[in-house]
C-alpha atoms as a PDB file:
ATOM      1  CA  MET A   1     -11.919  37.722  62.240  1.00  0.00           C
ATOM      2  CA  ASN A   2      -8.692  37.895  62.925  1.00  0.00           C
ATOM      3  CA  ALA A   3      -6.962  37.158  66.033  1.00  0.00           C
ATOM      4  CA  SER A   4      -6.575  41.160  67.092  1.00  0.00           C
ATOM      5  CA  VAL A   5     -10.068  41.817  67.944  1.00  0.00           C
ATOM      6  CA  ARG A   6     -12.560  41.604  71.425  1.00  0.00           C
ATOM      7  CA  GLY A   7     -15.753  40.709  71.807  1.00  0.00           C
ATOM      8  CA  PRO A   8     -18.624  39.931  71.375  1.00  0.00           C
ATOM      9  CA  PHE A   9     -20.553  42.520  72.961  1.00  0.00           C
ATOM     10  CA  PHE A  10     -23.907  42.656  73.948  1.00  0.00           C
ATOM     11  CA  ALA A  11     -25.736  44.917  76.134  1.00  0.00           C
ATOM     12  CA  THR A  12     -27.317  43.490  78.856  1.00  0.00           C
ATOM     13  CA  TYR A  13     -31.085  43.554  78.016  1.00  0.00           C
ATOM     14  CA  PHE A  14     -29.523  41.231  74.865  1.00  0.00           C
ATOM     15  CA  ASP A  15     -30.540  37.818  75.512  1.00  0.00           C
ATOM     16  CA  ASP A  16     -32.312  36.224  72.362  1.00  0.00           C
ATOM     17  CA  GLU A  17     -30.800  32.588  73.577  1.00  0.00           C
ATOM     18  CA  LEU A  18     -32.104  31.784  69.371  1.00  0.00           C
ATOM     19  CA  MET A  19     -29.546  33.885  68.020  1.00  0.00           C
ATOM     20  CA  TRP A  20     -25.394  33.668  67.955  1.00  0.00           C
ATOM     21  CA  TRP A  21     -22.891  35.936  67.588  1.00  0.00           C
ATOM     22  CA  PHE A  22     -22.534  35.827  63.538  1.00  0.00           C
ATOM     23  CA  THR A  23     -26.168  36.177  62.879  1.00  0.00           C
ATOM     24  CA  VAL A  24     -25.773  39.768  63.829  1.00  0.00           C
ATOM     25  CA  PHE A  25     -23.473  40.334  60.963  1.00  0.00           C
ATOM     26  CA  THR A  26     -24.607  37.567  58.209  1.00  0.00           C
ATOM     27  CA  LYS A  27     -28.540  38.545  58.715  1.00  0.00           C
ATOM     28  CA  ARG A  28     -27.250  41.909  56.884  1.00  0.00           C
ATOM     29  CA  LEU A  29     -26.390  40.219  53.424  1.00  0.00           C
ATOM     30  CA  ASN A  30     -28.836  40.200  51.134  1.00  0.00           C
ATOM     31  CA  ASP A  31     -29.297  40.512  46.727  1.00  0.00           C
ATOM     32  CA  GLU A  32     -27.705  44.410  47.325  1.00  0.00           C
ATOM     33  CA  ILE A  33     -25.214  43.834  50.308  1.00  0.00           C
ATOM     34  CA  LYS A  34     -22.065  41.525  49.927  1.00  0.00           C
ATOM     35  CA  LEU A  35     -19.822  42.809  52.753  1.00  0.00           C
ATOM     36  CA  VAL A  36     -20.470  43.444  56.190  1.00  0.00           C
ATOM     37  CA  GLY A  37     -18.142  43.782  59.071  1.00  0.00           C
ATOM     38  CA  SER A  38     -18.251  46.336  62.665  1.00  0.00           C
ATOM     39  CA  THR A  39     -16.741  49.399  60.853  1.00  0.00           C
ATOM     40  CA  ILE A  40     -15.805  50.721  57.608  1.00  0.00           C
ATOM     41  CA  ASN A  41     -13.299  53.225  57.486  1.00  0.00           C
ATOM     42  CA  CYS A  42     -13.461  55.934  54.751  1.00  0.00           C
ATOM     43  CA  GLU A  43      -9.637  56.596  54.730  1.00  0.00           C
ATOM     44  CA  HIS A  44      -8.583  56.331  51.042  1.00  0.00           C
ATOM     45  CA  LYS A  45     -11.112  54.421  49.839  1.00  0.00           C
ATOM     46  CA  PRO A  46     -14.261  53.346  51.552  1.00  0.00           C
ATOM     47  CA  HIS A  47     -13.796  49.644  53.016  1.00  0.00           C
ATOM     48  CA  VAL A  48     -15.207  47.366  55.307  1.00  0.00           C
ATOM     49  CA  GLN A  49     -12.328  47.109  57.749  1.00  0.00           C
ATOM     50  CA  SER A  50     -10.677  43.702  57.608  1.00  0.00           C
ATOM     51  CA  TYR A  51     -10.779  42.403  61.247  1.00  0.00           C
ATOM     52  CA  LEU A  52     -13.954  40.868  60.713  1.00  0.00           C
ATOM     53  CA  LEU A  53     -15.735  40.711  58.031  1.00  0.00           C
ATOM     54  CA  ALA A  54     -18.818  38.363  56.595  1.00  0.00           C
ATOM     55  CA  THR A  55     -19.898  37.954  52.823  1.00  0.00           C
ATOM     56  CA  ASP A  56     -22.225  35.348  51.554  1.00  0.00           C
ATOM     57  CA  GLN A  57     -21.820  32.510  48.101  1.00  0.00           C
ATOM     58  CA  VAL A  58     -21.505  35.606  45.803  1.00  0.00           C
ATOM     59  CA  GLY A  59     -19.376  37.832  48.040  1.00  0.00           C
ATOM     60  CA  LEU A  60     -16.975  35.010  48.286  1.00  0.00           C
ATOM     61  CA  SER A  61     -16.931  34.447  44.660  1.00  0.00           C
ATOM     62  CA  ILE A  62     -16.556  37.680  43.546  1.00  0.00           C
ATOM     63  CA  LEU A  63     -12.811  37.507  45.773  1.00  0.00           C
ATOM     64  CA  THR A  64     -12.354  34.761  44.644  1.00  0.00           C
ATOM     65  CA  ASP A  65     -12.372  35.228  40.947  1.00  0.00           C
ATOM     66  CA  LYS A  66      -9.097  34.517  39.278  1.00  0.00           C
ATOM     67  CA  LYS A  67      -8.483  38.330  38.468  1.00  0.00           C
ATOM     68  CA  SER A  68      -8.919  38.738  42.345  1.00  0.00           C
ATOM     69  CA  GLU A  69      -5.523  39.177  44.296  1.00  0.00           C
ATOM     70  CA  VAL A  70      -6.989  39.759  47.797  1.00  0.00           C
ATOM     71  CA  PHE A  71      -6.300  36.754  49.051  1.00  0.00           C
ATOM     72  CA  ILE A  72      -3.011  36.346  47.708  1.00  0.00           C
ATOM     73  CA  CYS A  73       0.456  36.678  50.204  1.00  0.00           C
ATOM     74  CA  LYS A  74       0.897  40.599  50.504  1.00  0.00           C
ATOM     75  CA  LYS A  75       4.773  42.456  50.625  1.00  0.00           C
ATOM     76  CA  GLY A  76       4.018  44.119  54.176  1.00  0.00           C
ATOM     77  CA  TYR A  77       1.357  46.112  55.936  1.00  0.00           C
ATOM     78  CA  ASP A  78       1.016  48.710  53.118  1.00  0.00           C
ATOM     79  CA  ASP A  79       0.223  46.276  50.576  1.00  0.00           C
ATOM     80  CA  ALA A  80      -2.075  44.184  52.682  1.00  0.00           C
ATOM     81  CA  VAL A  81      -4.392  47.428  53.201  1.00  0.00           C
ATOM     82  CA  PHE A  82      -4.448  48.245  49.605  1.00  0.00           C
ATOM     83  CA  SER A  83      -4.671  45.257  47.885  1.00  0.00           C
ATOM     84  CA  GLY A  84      -6.174  43.407  50.636  1.00  0.00           C
ATOM     85  CA  GLU A  85      -8.109  45.841  52.629  1.00  0.00           C
ATOM     86  CA  ILE A  86      -9.656  48.227  51.009  1.00  0.00           C
ATOM     87  CA  ALA A  87      -9.217  46.374  47.730  1.00  0.00           C
ATOM     88  CA  THR A  88     -11.921  43.414  49.133  1.00  0.00           C
ATOM     89  CA  SER A  89     -14.364  45.833  49.415  1.00  0.00           C
ATOM     90  CA  GLN A  90     -13.850  48.116  46.290  1.00  0.00           C
ATOM     91  CA  LEU A  91     -14.325  44.356  44.395  1.00  0.00           C
ATOM     92  CA  ILE A  92     -17.849  44.174  45.829  1.00  0.00           C
ATOM     93  CA  LEU A  93     -18.363  47.924  45.027  1.00  0.00           C
ATOM     94  CA  HIS A  94     -17.143  47.509  41.642  1.00  0.00           C
ATOM     95  CA  ALA A  95     -19.368  44.604  40.987  1.00  0.00           C
ATOM     96  CA  ASN A  96     -22.397  47.018  41.659  1.00  0.00           C
ATOM     97  CA  TYR A  97     -22.792  45.307  45.849  1.00  0.00           C
ATOM     98  CA  GLN A  98     -23.227  47.370  48.554  1.00  0.00           C
ATOM     99  CA  THR A  99     -21.134  47.425  51.492  1.00  0.00           C
ATOM    100  CA  ALA A 100     -22.354  47.833  55.213  1.00  0.00           C
ATOM    101  CA  SER A 101     -21.663  47.748  58.852  1.00  0.00           C
ATOM    102  CA  LEU A 102     -23.110  47.871  62.573  1.00  0.00           C
ATOM    103  CA  GLN A 103     -22.122  51.714  62.803  1.00  0.00           C
ATOM    104  CA  THR A 104     -25.549  53.919  63.085  1.00  0.00           C
ATOM    105  CA  LYS A 105     -24.125  56.346  61.070  1.00  0.00           C
ATOM    106  CA  TYR A 106     -23.764  54.667  58.422  1.00  0.00           C
ATOM    107  CA  GLN A 107     -26.992  52.401  57.781  1.00  0.00           C
ATOM    108  CA  GLY A 108     -28.439  53.376  54.255  1.00  0.00           C
ATOM    109  CA  TRP A 109     -25.375  54.817  52.752  1.00  0.00           C
ATOM    110  CA  ASP A 110     -24.788  53.712  48.793  1.00  0.00           C
ATOM    111  CA  PHE A 111     -20.373  53.100  49.320  1.00  0.00           C
ATOM    112  CA  ARG A 112     -21.687  52.676  45.158  1.00  0.00           C
ATOM    113  CA  LYS A 113     -22.263  56.614  45.013  1.00  0.00           C
ATOM    114  CA  LYS A 114     -18.760  58.593  45.248  1.00  0.00           C
ATOM    115  CA  GLU A 115     -20.434  61.723  46.796  1.00  0.00           C
ATOM    116  CA  THR A 116     -19.985  59.152  49.485  1.00  0.00           C
ATOM    117  CA  TRP A 117     -16.403  58.686  49.728  1.00  0.00           C
ATOM    118  CA  GLY A 118     -15.244  61.191  51.703  1.00  0.00           C
ATOM    119  CA  CYS A 119     -17.378  60.340  54.966  1.00  0.00           C
ATOM    120  CA  ASN A 120     -15.830  60.567  57.847  1.00  0.00           C
ATOM    121  CA  ASN A 121     -13.584  63.402  56.678  1.00  0.00           C
ATOM    122  CA  GLN A 122     -11.481  60.358  55.653  1.00  0.00           C
ATOM    123  CA  LEU A 123     -10.597  59.520  58.917  1.00  0.00           C
ATOM    124  CA  SER A 124     -10.900  56.234  60.615  1.00  0.00           C
ATOM    125  CA  PRO A 125     -13.678  55.600  63.001  1.00  0.00           C
ATOM    126  CA  ILE A 126     -11.626  53.274  65.645  1.00  0.00           C
ATOM    127  CA  TYR A 127      -7.519  54.313  65.700  1.00  0.00           C
ATOM    128  CA  ASN A 128      -9.023  58.000  66.826  1.00  0.00           C
ATOM    129  CA  ASP A 129     -11.041  59.226  69.892  1.00  0.00           C
ATOM    130  CA  LYS A 130     -13.868  61.149  68.993  1.00  0.00           C
ATOM    131  CA  ALA A 131     -13.644  60.296  65.669  1.00  0.00           C
ATOM    132  CA  ILE A 132     -17.188  59.847  64.770  1.00  0.00           C
ATOM    133  CA  ASP A 133     -19.105  63.642  64.521  1.00  0.00           C
ATOM    134  CA  GLY A 134     -16.912  64.261  67.883  1.00  0.00           C
ATOM    135  CA  ILE A 135     -17.228  60.883  69.662  1.00  0.00           C
ATOM    136  CA  SER A 136     -16.012  57.835  70.059  1.00  0.00           C
ATOM    137  CA  HIS A 137     -17.369  54.469  68.844  1.00  0.00           C
ATOM    138  CA  ASP A 138     -18.937  52.076  71.842  1.00  0.00           C
ATOM    139  CA  PRO A 139     -18.049  47.822  71.316  1.00  0.00           C
ATOM    140  CA  TYR A 140     -22.014  48.150  72.249  1.00  0.00           C
ATOM    141  CA  GLU A 141     -22.412  49.144  68.480  1.00  0.00           C
ATOM    142  CA  LEU A 142     -19.665  47.749  67.285  1.00  0.00           C
ATOM    143  CA  VAL A 143     -19.930  43.900  68.760  1.00  0.00           C
ATOM    144  CA  PHE A 144     -16.290  43.461  67.824  1.00  0.00           C
ATOM    145  CA  VAL A 145     -13.614  46.164  68.915  1.00  0.00           C
ATOM    146  CA  LYS A 146      -9.968  45.903  67.419  1.00  0.00           C
ATOM    147  CA  TYR A 147      -8.161  45.835  70.243  1.00  0.00           C
ATOM    148  CA  LYS A 148      -3.638  46.038  70.091  1.00  0.00           C
ATOM    149  CA  GLY A 149      -2.723  44.629  73.550  1.00  0.00           C
ATOM    150  CA  LEU A 150      -2.201  45.462  77.021  1.00  0.00           C
ATOM    151  CA  PRO A 151      -2.463  48.783  78.991  1.00  0.00           C
ATOM    152  CA  PRO A 152      -2.427  52.236  78.219  1.00  0.00           C
ATOM    153  CA  PHE A 153      -4.711  51.593  75.392  1.00  0.00           C
ATOM    154  CA  ASP A 154      -4.566  53.817  72.289  1.00  0.00           C
ATOM    155  CA  THR A 155      -8.031  54.653  72.176  1.00  0.00           C
ATOM    156  CA  ASP A 156     -10.923  54.921  74.184  1.00  0.00           C
ATOM    157  CA  LEU A 157     -12.749  52.381  72.645  1.00  0.00           C
ATOM    158  CA  GLU A 158     -10.208  50.094  73.376  1.00  0.00           C
ATOM    159  CA  ARG A 159     -10.130  50.972  77.314  1.00  0.00           C
ATOM    160  CA  ARG A 160     -14.099  50.491  77.150  1.00  0.00           C
ATOM    161  CA  ALA A 161     -13.588  47.201  75.741  1.00  0.00           C
ATOM    162  CA  PHE A 162     -11.209  46.323  78.362  1.00  0.00           C
ATOM    163  CA  VAL A 163     -13.683  47.455  80.782  1.00  0.00           C
ATOM    164  CA  TYR A 164     -16.382  46.036  79.401  1.00  0.00           C
ATOM    165  CA  GLN A 165     -14.797  42.247  79.132  1.00  0.00           C
ATOM    166  CA  LYS A 166     -13.932  42.509  82.736  1.00  0.00           C
ATOM    167  CA  CYS A 167     -17.097  43.010  83.517  1.00  0.00           C
ATOM    168  CA  GLU A 168     -19.097  40.780  81.128  1.00  0.00           C
ATOM    169  CA  ASN A 169     -21.188  37.754  81.631  1.00  0.00           C
ATOM    170  CA  VAL A 170     -21.689  36.460  78.037  1.00  0.00           C
ATOM    171  CA  PRO A 171     -24.721  34.244  77.500  1.00  0.00           C
ATOM    172  CA  THR A 172     -22.457  30.746  76.464  1.00  0.00           C
ATOM    173  CA  HIS A 173     -24.171  31.278  72.641  1.00  0.00           C
ATOM    174  CA  LEU A 174     -22.498  34.695  72.583  1.00  0.00           C
ATOM    175  CA  GLN A 175     -18.862  33.853  73.840  1.00  0.00           C
ATOM    176  CA  ALA A 176     -15.873  35.686  72.648  1.00  0.00           C
ATOM    177  CA  VAL A 177     -14.405  33.193  70.284  1.00  0.00           C
ATOM    178  CA  ALA A 178     -11.312  35.757  68.844  1.00  0.00           C
ATOM    179  CA  ASN A 179      -9.741  36.437  72.269  1.00  0.00           C
ATOM    180  CA  GLY A 180      -6.555  34.711  70.706  1.00  0.00           C
ATOM    181  CA  GLU A 181      -6.925  31.741  72.963  1.00  0.00           C
ATOM    182  CA  ASN A 182      -9.753  29.647  71.152  1.00  0.00           C
ATOM    183  CA  GLY A 183      -8.597  29.091  67.213  1.00  0.00           C
ATOM    184  CA  HIS A 184     -10.316  26.247  66.986  1.00  0.00           C
ATOM    185  CA  THR A 185     -14.101  27.302  68.330  1.00  0.00           C
ATOM    186  CA  VAL A 186     -13.083  29.689  65.398  1.00  0.00           C
ATOM    187  CA  LEU A 187     -12.102  27.205  62.941  1.00  0.00           C
ATOM    188  CA  TYR A 188     -15.677  26.054  64.090  1.00  0.00           C
ATOM    189  CA  TYR A 189     -17.155  28.387  63.587  1.00  0.00           C
ATOM    190  CA  LEU A 190     -16.026  29.734  59.953  1.00  0.00           C
ATOM    191  CA  GLU A 191     -16.433  25.694  58.845  1.00  0.00           C
ATOM    192  CA  PHE A 192     -20.200  25.823  59.746  1.00  0.00           C
ATOM    193  CA  ILE A 193     -20.884  29.104  58.408  1.00  0.00           C
ATOM    194  CA  ILE A 194     -18.978  28.267  55.101  1.00  0.00           C
ATOM    195  CA  ASN A 195     -20.502  24.745  54.967  1.00  0.00           C
ATOM    196  CA  ASP A 196     -23.967  26.879  55.964  1.00  0.00           C
ATOM    197  CA  LEU A 197     -22.769  28.951  52.600  1.00  0.00           C
ATOM    198  CA  HIS A 198     -22.699  26.123  50.131  1.00  0.00           C
ATOM    199  CA  ARG A 199     -26.117  24.549  51.076  1.00  0.00           C
ATOM    200  CA  SER A 200     -27.788  27.784  50.128  1.00  0.00           C
END
């Protein structure tokens, strides 16, 4: 998770006190799926967008393999996108595992199959309005939203996130940890998840 996201966004009828926000992502990890995020971007090659990623021990071992270079320092933005973000998903797919997102449209899609690679006309689902079959995503579908800054916003998704965040009264166990103000909480959750992975 990076500091440019806002969330989590949950509809008012979601009040499961037994579920932490990260469970929405980690419960999708299984024997087939080894990388999950809020969105999959079909630009260039399908990839889970790196503003929020979840993996398990198998996925982490693929990404930290000596041949992998996804975690080395990048030369700039393009290098970070191509040899970081896109390469992360490609490593998982080339290891014959699946990637997944919270997007309703892509539930059950197998991105190991090249016929899926032209998805969404190879447009980003979050940087353009009406980019998904003529409509925009909603923060309640994605749980976390990439958020570039103060008004004026670039997308309807950002505008909705801004309005929803002002109106929400999120239960403590679901509260946002990535609003750029509470890095210690993010670190705690990441340590908790990593420690939990080591126990499994």
